[in-house]
Amino acid sequence: MHDFRKTLSALTIIMACVPVPSLADEKSAWRLFVSDHGAPVVHVLDAAGGKKIGTFSLKSPASLYASDSGRTVFAVQRDGNLVSAIATGISVDDHGDHGDIEIEAPQRLDADIAGKKPVHFVDHHGDIALFFDDEGVARIASEKTVLDGLPHIREVRTASPHHGVAIAFGEHMLVTEPHPEKPVEELPVGIRVLDRSGARVGNLHECPDLHGEATSGRLTAIACAKGLLVAKSGKDSPQTDFLAYPDNLPNGKSTTLAGGRGLQYFLGNYGSSAVVLIDPETEDAFRLIELPARRVHFAVDPVRPKFAYVFTEDGRLHQIDVLAGSITKSLALTEPYSMDGHWSDPRPRIAVAGDNILVTDPLKSTIRVVEAASFAKTGDIPLDGKPFNIVAVGGSGETH
């Protein structure tokens, strides 16, 4: 006769060995990091309600850059000769079929990197390269060691001080070559590839008037006077090709680039009243978009990959459909901000946080909130001083 109790006992053991999904809640969290145009501070705000989470003191006013992972924000203090790092307190770990999100308090990291006149910041796959113009030196550290508070820094020295940039490329480094006769007064003339020991690999990749770089997908683009240098990983070292501006573009060049997220493309300025969409791997690589007024700032949307945004001096925010190559929506958002005057005057900057687009309005001590789906203004976040540079970090995931 069959013993039902033995069967039940065995079944109980089997069920105990079957993995049971842990109870988890789905949560989204976004934070804004905002620097002041004149004060040496960074404010941290909850993007959902605008509540201030914290304020960190700096040595001088800063430009802000979020790492690709969103775990770190770097405050580049050009006049303070210092780069400071802040742990954002938000991390999203990919587990294939889902992501886990951890939310903690933001904190200033004991990972300052000092040097004379830091300007360019580049994160390439977790390797942070900082270029110090008045030394002609790049300092490189992995984000992991920065988050640990013990940044392992290696230095790459160029021939002379200049307005340069460096990009960590796996076991290699792309670094600017200064102008041979007027390194301080003129922009770099090209890119050199260096190996881990600092030895040169191959010849100089010419790029007169070099200024502006970005990475999108597997490509890194560097802006030159007559086109772009486009680099990607090669068999033994980075492979670099030149993409010339076509004859159908008007006279001009890009000097600032942003790399698309989710779609591989680049968005660049082109003259004072236009932007250009660049896809190096298509036959029609450049698409010019004329703007109704002079450009102030632009940003790509990391959440909705087909969109990018441009703010113009007439106080309007424009939505660009990257696939269509045109402006699809426009919104009057602030009073006019003339581009006449000094290049560093306080003017609006754009960031994207989840469902919202944020635009700083420094002369009104306010951050304007625009819902991305409807492209309508939905609120304001007041912030003392002159809120200027802004970056957003966050995402969605399960909390256990």
Protein backbone atom coordinates (compact mmCIF):
# COMPACT_ATOMS: atom_id res chain seq x y z
CA MET A 1 0.00 0.00 0.00
CA HIS A 2 1.33 3.44 -0.92
CA ASP A 3 2.44 5.55 2.07
CA PHE A 4 0.90 8.97 1.50
CA ARG A 5 2.84 10.47 4.41
CA LYS A 6 6.20 9.63 2.78
CA THR A 7 5.06 11.19 -0.48
CA LEU A 8 3.97 14.36 1.31
CA SER A 9 7.25 14.55 3.20
CA ALA A 10 9.28 14.19 0.01
CA LEU A 11 7.18 16.82 -1.73
CA THR A 12 7.76 19.19 1.17
CA ILE A 13 11.52 18.76 0.83
CA ILE A 14 11.37 19.38 -2.95
CA MET A 15 9.29 22.52 -2.51
CA ALA A 16 11.73 23.81 0.10
CA CYS A 17 14.54 23.58 -2.47
CA VAL A 18 12.66 25.49 -5.19
CA PRO A 19 13.74 29.15 -5.29
CA VAL A 20 10.90 31.46 -4.25
CA PRO A 21 11.06 35.06 -5.49
CA SER A 22 11.76 37.44 -2.62
CA LEU A 23 9.17 40.04 -1.89
CA ALA A 24 10.15 43.25 -3.67
CA ASP A 25 8.70 46.64 -4.38
CA GLU A 26 9.20 48.49 -7.67
CA LYS A 27 10.58 51.96 -7.03
CA SER A 28 11.82 54.92 -9.06
CA ALA A 29 14.18 57.49 -7.61
CA TRP A 30 15.78 60.53 -9.22
CA ARG A 31 18.02 63.18 -7.71
CA LEU A 32 19.17 66.53 -8.99
CA PHE A 33 22.65 67.90 -8.34
CA VAL A 34 22.79 71.65 -8.90
CA SER A 35 25.76 73.98 -8.64
CA ASP A 36 25.51 77.74 -8.12
CA HIS A 37 26.91 80.20 -10.62
CA GLY A 38 28.68 82.28 -7.99
CA ALA A 39 28.76 80.28 -4.76
CA PRO A 40 31.00 77.25 -4.06
CA VAL A 41 28.18 74.80 -3.29
CA VAL A 42 26.33 71.82 -4.73
CA HIS A 43 22.69 71.31 -3.75
CA VAL A 44 21.09 67.86 -3.87
CA LEU A 45 17.34 67.76 -4.49
CA ASP A 46 14.71 65.06 -4.72
CA ALA A 47 13.57 65.38 -8.34
CA ALA A 48 10.03 64.22 -7.53
CA GLY A 49 9.12 67.01 -5.11
CA GLY A 50 12.06 69.37 -5.19
CA LYS A 51 12.87 68.81 -1.52
CA LYS A 52 16.46 69.62 -0.64
CA ILE A 53 18.33 66.52 0.53
CA GLY A 54 21.67 68.14 1.24
CA THR A 55 24.23 70.80 0.38
CA PHE A 56 27.97 70.26 -0.07
CA SER A 57 30.55 73.03 0.19
CA LEU A 58 33.26 73.31 -2.43
CA LYS A 59 36.43 75.33 -2.92
CA SER A 60 35.03 77.33 -5.87
CA PRO A 61 31.95 77.29 -8.16
CA ALA A 62 31.87 74.08 -10.18
CA SER A 63 30.82 72.42 -13.39
CA LEU A 64 29.05 69.14 -12.66
CA TYR A 65 29.34 65.80 -14.43
CA ALA A 66 27.54 62.56 -13.61
CA SER A 67 29.34 59.30 -14.19
CA ASP A 68 27.81 56.90 -16.70
CA SER A 69 26.74 54.62 -13.85
CA GLY A 70 25.01 57.46 -12.02
CA ARG A 71 26.75 56.52 -8.77
CA THR A 72 29.04 59.53 -8.70
CA VAL A 73 28.84 63.23 -9.48
CA PHE A 74 32.12 65.08 -10.06
CA ALA A 75 32.42 68.78 -9.26
CA VAL A 76 35.13 70.26 -11.48
CA GLN A 77 36.34 73.45 -9.81
CA ARG A 78 38.34 75.25 -12.47
CA ASP A 79 39.28 78.23 -10.27
CA GLY A 80 39.73 76.08 -7.17
CA ASN A 81 42.26 73.73 -8.81
CA LEU A 82 40.29 70.76 -7.52
CA VAL A 83 37.90 68.01 -8.60
CA SER A 84 35.59 66.72 -5.87
CA ALA A 85 33.46 63.58 -5.94
CA ILE A 86 30.02 63.05 -4.43
CA ALA A 87 28.39 59.64 -4.06
CA THR A 88 24.85 60.12 -5.34
CA GLY A 89 23.35 57.50 -3.05
CA ILE A 90 21.50 55.85 -5.94
CA SER A 91 22.71 52.69 -7.62
CA VAL A 92 20.88 50.44 -10.04
CA ASP A 93 22.27 46.93 -10.55
CA ASP A 94 21.25 45.01 -13.67
CA HIS A 95 20.22 41.40 -13.02
CA GLY A 96 19.19 40.57 -16.58
CA ASP A 97 15.45 40.12 -16.15
CA HIS A 98 15.20 42.99 -13.65
CA GLY A 99 17.19 45.64 -11.87
CA ASP A 100 17.71 46.28 -8.17
CA ILE A 101 17.85 49.83 -6.89
CA GLU A 102 19.57 50.90 -3.69
CA ILE A 103 18.89 54.32 -2.22
CA GLU A 104 21.10 55.90 0.43
CA ALA A 105 22.00 59.40 1.56
CA PRO A 106 24.38 61.26 -0.79
CA GLN A 107 27.82 61.87 0.66
CA ARG A 108 30.96 63.77 -0.13
CA LEU A 109 33.74 61.31 -0.86
CA ASP A 110 37.27 61.56 0.46
CA ALA A 111 38.57 61.41 -3.07
CA ASP A 112 39.55 64.94 -4.14
CA ILE A 113 41.90 65.13 -7.12
CA ALA A 114 44.00 68.29 -7.17
CA GLY A 115 45.73 69.99 -10.09
CA LYS A 116 46.04 73.31 -11.85
CA LYS A 117 42.94 74.39 -13.78
CA PRO A 118 40.86 71.24 -14.29
CA VAL A 119 38.48 71.61 -17.22
CA HIS A 120 37.62 68.50 -19.23
CA PHE A 121 36.00 65.47 -17.62
CA VAL A 122 35.52 62.20 -19.54
CA ASP A 123 34.02 58.94 -18.28
CA HIS A 124 34.70 56.04 -20.63
CA HIS A 125 33.36 52.71 -19.36
CA GLY A 126 34.07 53.55 -15.73
CA ASP A 127 37.52 55.08 -16.20
CA ILE A 128 37.48 58.78 -15.30
CA ALA A 129 39.96 61.05 -17.12
CA LEU A 130 40.46 64.61 -15.87
CA PHE A 131 42.58 67.08 -17.82
CA PHE A 132 44.39 69.91 -16.02
CA ASP A 133 45.07 72.64 -18.57
CA ASP A 134 47.74 74.64 -16.70
CA GLU A 135 49.84 71.49 -16.29
CA GLY A 136 49.10 69.68 -19.54
CA VAL A 137 48.46 66.60 -17.41
CA ALA A 138 45.66 64.03 -17.45
CA ARG A 139 44.85 62.20 -14.22
CA ILE A 140 42.92 58.94 -14.55
CA ALA A 141 41.12 56.91 -11.89
CA SER A 142 38.48 54.20 -11.99
CA GLU A 143 35.10 55.15 -10.56
CA LYS A 144 35.29 52.10 -8.29
CA THR A 145 38.39 53.37 -6.49
CA VAL A 146 36.84 56.84 -6.21
CA LEU A 147 33.72 55.38 -4.58
CA ASP A 148 35.97 53.43 -2.21
CA GLY A 149 37.54 56.74 -1.18
CA LEU A 150 40.96 55.54 -2.31
CA PRO A 151 41.35 56.70 -5.92
CA HIS A 152 44.30 55.04 -7.61
CA ILE A 153 45.51 57.84 -9.88
CA ARG A 154 47.82 57.49 -12.83
CA GLU A 155 49.13 60.48 -14.73
CA VAL A 156 49.72 61.11 -18.40
CA ARG A 157 51.84 64.15 -19.26
CA THR A 158 51.72 65.95 -22.58
CA ALA A 159 54.36 68.15 -24.18
CA SER A 160 53.11 71.39 -22.58
CA PRO A 161 50.18 73.04 -20.81
CA HIS A 162 47.22 73.48 -23.14
CA HIS A 163 43.42 73.28 -23.33
CA GLY A 164 43.31 69.53 -23.75
CA VAL A 165 41.36 66.37 -23.13
CA ALA A 166 42.13 62.72 -22.45
CA ILE A 167 40.01 59.60 -22.93
CA ALA A 168 40.79 56.30 -21.24
CA PHE A 169 40.37 53.56 -23.84
CA GLY A 170 40.89 50.23 -22.13
CA GLU A 171 44.61 49.55 -22.07
CA HIS A 172 45.22 52.69 -24.14
CA MET A 173 44.76 56.43 -23.80
CA LEU A 174 43.68 59.04 -26.33
CA VAL A 175 45.27 62.37 -25.44
CA THR A 176 45.47 65.72 -27.21
CA GLU A 177 48.60 67.00 -28.92
CA PRO A 178 49.17 70.72 -28.16
CA HIS A 179 49.81 73.27 -30.86
CA PRO A 180 53.60 73.14 -31.48
CA GLU A 181 54.13 76.92 -31.50
CA LYS A 182 51.31 78.39 -29.40
CA PRO A 183 50.12 75.62 -27.06
CA VAL A 184 48.35 77.92 -24.62
CA GLU A 185 46.80 80.34 -27.11
CA GLU A 186 45.69 77.83 -29.75
CA LEU A 187 43.58 74.68 -29.60
CA PRO A 188 45.22 71.22 -29.90
CA VAL A 189 46.19 69.93 -33.34
CA GLY A 190 45.45 66.23 -32.96
CA ILE A 191 45.16 63.06 -30.94
CA ARG A 192 47.88 60.65 -29.93
CA VAL A 193 47.29 57.05 -28.84
CA LEU A 194 49.37 55.92 -25.88
CA ASP A 195 49.71 52.46 -24.38
CA ARG A 196 49.60 51.65 -20.65
CA SER A 197 53.28 52.57 -20.24
CA GLY A 198 52.78 55.95 -21.94
CA ALA A 199 54.53 54.95 -25.16
CA ARG A 200 53.13 56.29 -28.42
CA VAL A 201 51.21 53.92 -30.65
CA GLY A 202 51.23 54.92 -34.32
CA ASN A 203 51.37 58.43 -35.72
CA LEU A 204 49.54 61.60 -34.75
CA HIS A 205 45.87 61.64 -35.78
CA GLU A 206 45.50 65.18 -37.10
CA CYS A 207 42.60 67.23 -35.76
CA PRO A 208 43.23 70.99 -35.97
CA ASP A 209 41.14 73.19 -33.62
CA LEU A 210 40.25 70.16 -31.53
CA HIS A 211 37.48 70.89 -29.03
CA GLY A 212 34.58 68.69 -27.92
CA GLU A 213 34.14 64.94 -27.48
CA ALA A 214 31.46 62.41 -26.61
CA THR A 215 30.81 58.68 -26.61
CA SER A 216 27.70 56.93 -27.93
CA GLY A 217 27.39 53.18 -28.19
CA ARG A 218 30.71 51.77 -29.36
CA LEU A 219 31.93 55.04 -30.90
CA THR A 220 33.80 58.03 -29.49
CA ALA A 221 33.73 61.25 -31.54
CA ILE A 222 36.18 64.14 -31.27
CA ALA A 223 35.37 67.45 -32.96
CA CYS A 224 37.91 69.05 -35.32
CA ALA A 225 37.91 72.07 -37.64
CA LYS A 226 36.92 70.07 -40.74
CA GLY A 227 35.03 67.11 -39.27
CA LEU A 228 35.20 64.46 -36.58
CA LEU A 229 37.73 61.89 -35.51
CA VAL A 230 35.75 58.73 -34.73
CA ALA A 231 37.42 56.14 -32.51
CA LYS A 232 36.40 52.60 -31.60
CA SER A 233 38.08 49.57 -30.12
CA GLY A 234 40.39 47.72 -32.49
CA LYS A 235 42.16 44.39 -32.38
CA ASP A 236 45.37 45.67 -30.78
CA SER A 237 44.68 49.37 -30.22
CA PRO A 238 41.93 51.95 -30.83
CA GLN A 239 40.94 52.40 -34.46
CA THR A 240 40.47 56.02 -35.53
CA ASP A 241 38.86 57.30 -38.74
CA PHE A 242 38.16 60.82 -39.97
CA LEU A 243 34.62 61.86 -40.91
CA ALA A 244 34.72 65.10 -42.91
CA TYR A 245 31.95 67.67 -42.93
CA PRO A 246 30.11 67.38 -46.26
CA ASP A 247 30.00 70.18 -48.81
CA ASN A 248 26.26 70.69 -48.30
CA LEU A 249 26.82 71.99 -44.75
CA PRO A 250 27.35 75.75 -44.38
CA ASN A 251 30.65 77.05 -43.06
CA GLY A 252 31.01 76.13 -39.42
CA LYS A 253 32.04 73.39 -37.03
CA SER A 254 31.02 71.61 -33.85
CA THR A 255 32.84 72.46 -30.63
CA THR A 256 30.53 70.67 -28.17
CA LEU A 257 29.18 67.13 -28.58
CA ALA A 258 26.65 65.02 -26.68
CA GLY A 259 26.36 61.28 -27.20
CA GLY A 260 23.00 59.59 -27.66
CA ARG A 261 21.84 57.00 -25.12
CA GLY A 262 19.89 54.00 -26.42
CA LEU A 263 20.47 55.18 -30.00
CA GLN A 264 23.97 55.60 -31.40
CA TYR A 265 24.31 59.20 -32.59
CA PHE A 266 25.90 62.51 -31.65
CA LEU A 267 24.35 65.95 -31.25
CA GLY A 268 26.63 68.93 -31.77
CA ASN A 269 26.45 72.68 -32.01
CA TYR A 270 27.04 74.12 -35.48
CA GLY A 271 27.36 77.88 -35.60
CA SER A 272 25.38 79.98 -33.16
CA SER A 273 21.87 79.16 -34.43
CA ALA A 274 21.92 75.52 -35.45
CA VAL A 275 22.67 72.02 -34.20
CA VAL A 276 23.73 68.98 -36.16
CA LEU A 277 22.75 65.33 -35.75
CA ILE A 278 25.62 62.98 -36.58
CA ASP A 279 25.47 59.26 -37.29
CA PRO A 280 28.96 58.22 -38.44
CA GLU A 281 27.77 54.84 -39.69
CA THR A 282 25.21 56.08 -42.22
CA GLU A 283 25.74 57.50 -45.69
CA ASP A 284 23.99 60.76 -44.79
CA ALA A 285 26.00 61.24 -41.60
CA PHE A 286 25.19 64.92 -40.92
CA ARG A 287 21.71 66.47 -40.59
CA LEU A 288 21.57 70.18 -39.84
CA ILE A 289 18.70 71.61 -37.78
CA GLU A 290 18.25 75.37 -37.92
CA LEU A 291 17.08 77.00 -34.69
CA PRO A 292 14.73 80.02 -34.36
CA ALA A 293 17.26 81.83 -32.13
CA ARG A 294 20.80 81.43 -30.89
CA ARG A 295 21.48 78.22 -28.98
CA VAL A 296 22.13 78.34 -25.23
CA HIS A 297 22.33 74.66 -24.23
CA PHE A 298 21.34 71.20 -25.43
CA ALA A 299 21.02 67.70 -23.97
CA VAL A 300 20.01 64.21 -25.08
CA ASP A 301 17.22 62.24 -23.40
CA PRO A 302 18.59 59.02 -21.81
CA VAL A 303 15.08 57.76 -20.97
CA ARG A 304 13.36 58.41 -24.33
CA PRO A 305 16.24 57.79 -26.78
CA LYS A 306 14.55 59.34 -29.85
CA PHE A 307 14.44 62.80 -28.27
CA ALA A 308 16.91 65.56 -27.50
CA TYR A 309 16.34 69.11 -26.25
CA VAL A 310 17.70 72.55 -27.09
CA PHE A 311 17.20 75.79 -25.15
CA THR A 312 17.48 79.01 -27.17
CA GLU A 313 18.10 82.59 -26.07
CA ASP A 314 14.46 83.60 -26.63
CA GLY A 315 13.59 81.58 -23.53
CA ARG A 316 12.15 78.59 -25.39
CA LEU A 317 12.80 74.87 -24.97
CA HIS A 318 12.65 72.76 -28.13
CA GLN A 319 12.12 69.02 -28.52
CA ILE A 320 14.11 67.38 -31.31
CA ASP A 321 13.00 64.10 -32.84
CA VAL A 322 16.33 62.44 -33.56
CA LEU A 323 14.87 59.97 -36.06
CA ALA A 324 12.99 62.64 -38.02
CA GLY A 325 15.84 65.13 -37.71
CA SER A 326 13.59 68.07 -36.89
CA ILE A 327 12.10 70.17 -34.09
CA THR A 328 8.74 68.68 -33.17
CA LYS A 329 7.64 70.80 -30.17
CA SER A 330 8.57 74.15 -28.63
CA LEU A 331 7.69 75.69 -25.28
CA ALA A 332 8.08 79.22 -23.91
CA LEU A 333 9.74 78.61 -20.55
CA THR A 334 11.74 81.62 -19.26
CA GLU A 335 12.42 85.23 -20.04
CA PRO A 336 15.04 85.74 -22.79
CA TYR A 337 18.70 85.01 -22.01
CA SER A 338 20.88 86.84 -24.52
CA MET A 339 23.99 85.11 -25.78
CA ASP A 340 25.71 88.51 -25.98
CA GLY A 341 28.19 89.03 -23.18
CA HIS A 342 30.72 86.66 -21.61
CA TRP A 343 30.54 82.95 -22.49
CA SER A 344 30.33 82.04 -18.80
CA ASP A 345 27.45 84.34 -17.83
CA PRO A 346 24.62 82.58 -15.94
CA ARG A 347 22.28 80.98 -18.48
CA PRO A 348 19.91 77.98 -18.36
CA ARG A 349 21.09 74.38 -18.42
CA ILE A 350 19.06 71.21 -19.14
CA ALA A 351 18.84 67.82 -17.42
CA VAL A 352 16.44 64.88 -17.75
CA ALA A 353 15.15 63.02 -14.67
CA GLY A 354 12.73 60.19 -15.36
CA ASP A 355 9.47 61.63 -16.66
CA ASN A 356 10.60 65.25 -16.40
CA ILE A 357 12.91 67.71 -18.11
CA LEU A 358 14.54 70.22 -15.75
CA VAL A 359 15.82 73.63 -16.87
CA THR A 360 17.69 75.97 -14.54
CA ASP A 361 16.62 79.63 -14.57
CA PRO A 362 19.52 81.22 -12.68
CA LEU A 363 18.35 84.83 -12.82
CA LYS A 364 15.02 83.83 -11.22
CA SER A 365 16.51 81.44 -8.61
CA THR A 366 14.31 78.67 -10.01
CA ILE A 367 14.39 75.31 -11.75
CA ARG A 368 11.61 74.92 -14.33
CA VAL A 369 9.91 71.51 -14.55
CA VAL A 370 8.57 70.21 -17.89
CA GLU A 371 6.71 66.92 -18.27
CA ALA A 372 8.43 65.03 -21.08
CA ALA A 373 5.31 63.23 -22.37
CA SER A 374 3.10 66.30 -22.79
CA PHE A 375 6.01 68.75 -23.18
CA ALA A 376 4.15 71.17 -20.90
CA LYS A 377 5.49 73.13 -17.94
CA THR A 378 4.18 71.50 -14.76
CA GLY A 379 5.96 73.31 -11.94
CA ASP A 380 8.85 75.26 -10.49
CA ILE A 381 11.47 74.36 -7.90
CA PRO A 382 12.74 77.46 -6.06
CA LEU A 383 16.43 77.40 -5.12
CA ASP A 384 18.39 80.22 -3.49
CA GLY A 385 21.19 81.88 -5.40
CA LYS A 386 21.74 81.30 -9.10
CA PRO A 387 21.13 77.60 -9.88
CA PHE A 388 23.29 76.92 -12.91
CA ASN A 389 24.82 73.55 -13.84
CA ILE A 390 22.48 70.63 -13.25
CA VAL A 391 22.77 66.86 -13.61
CA ALA A 392 20.18 64.20 -12.85
CA VAL A 393 20.83 60.64 -11.67
CA GLY A 394 18.44 57.84 -10.88
CA GLY A 395 16.36 55.05 -12.33
CA SER A 396 13.91 52.31 -11.46
CA GLY A 397 14.32 48.91 -9.88
CA GLU A 398 13.24 46.54 -7.17
CA THR A 399 13.89 47.14 -3.50
CA HIS A 400 14.11 44.07 -1.25
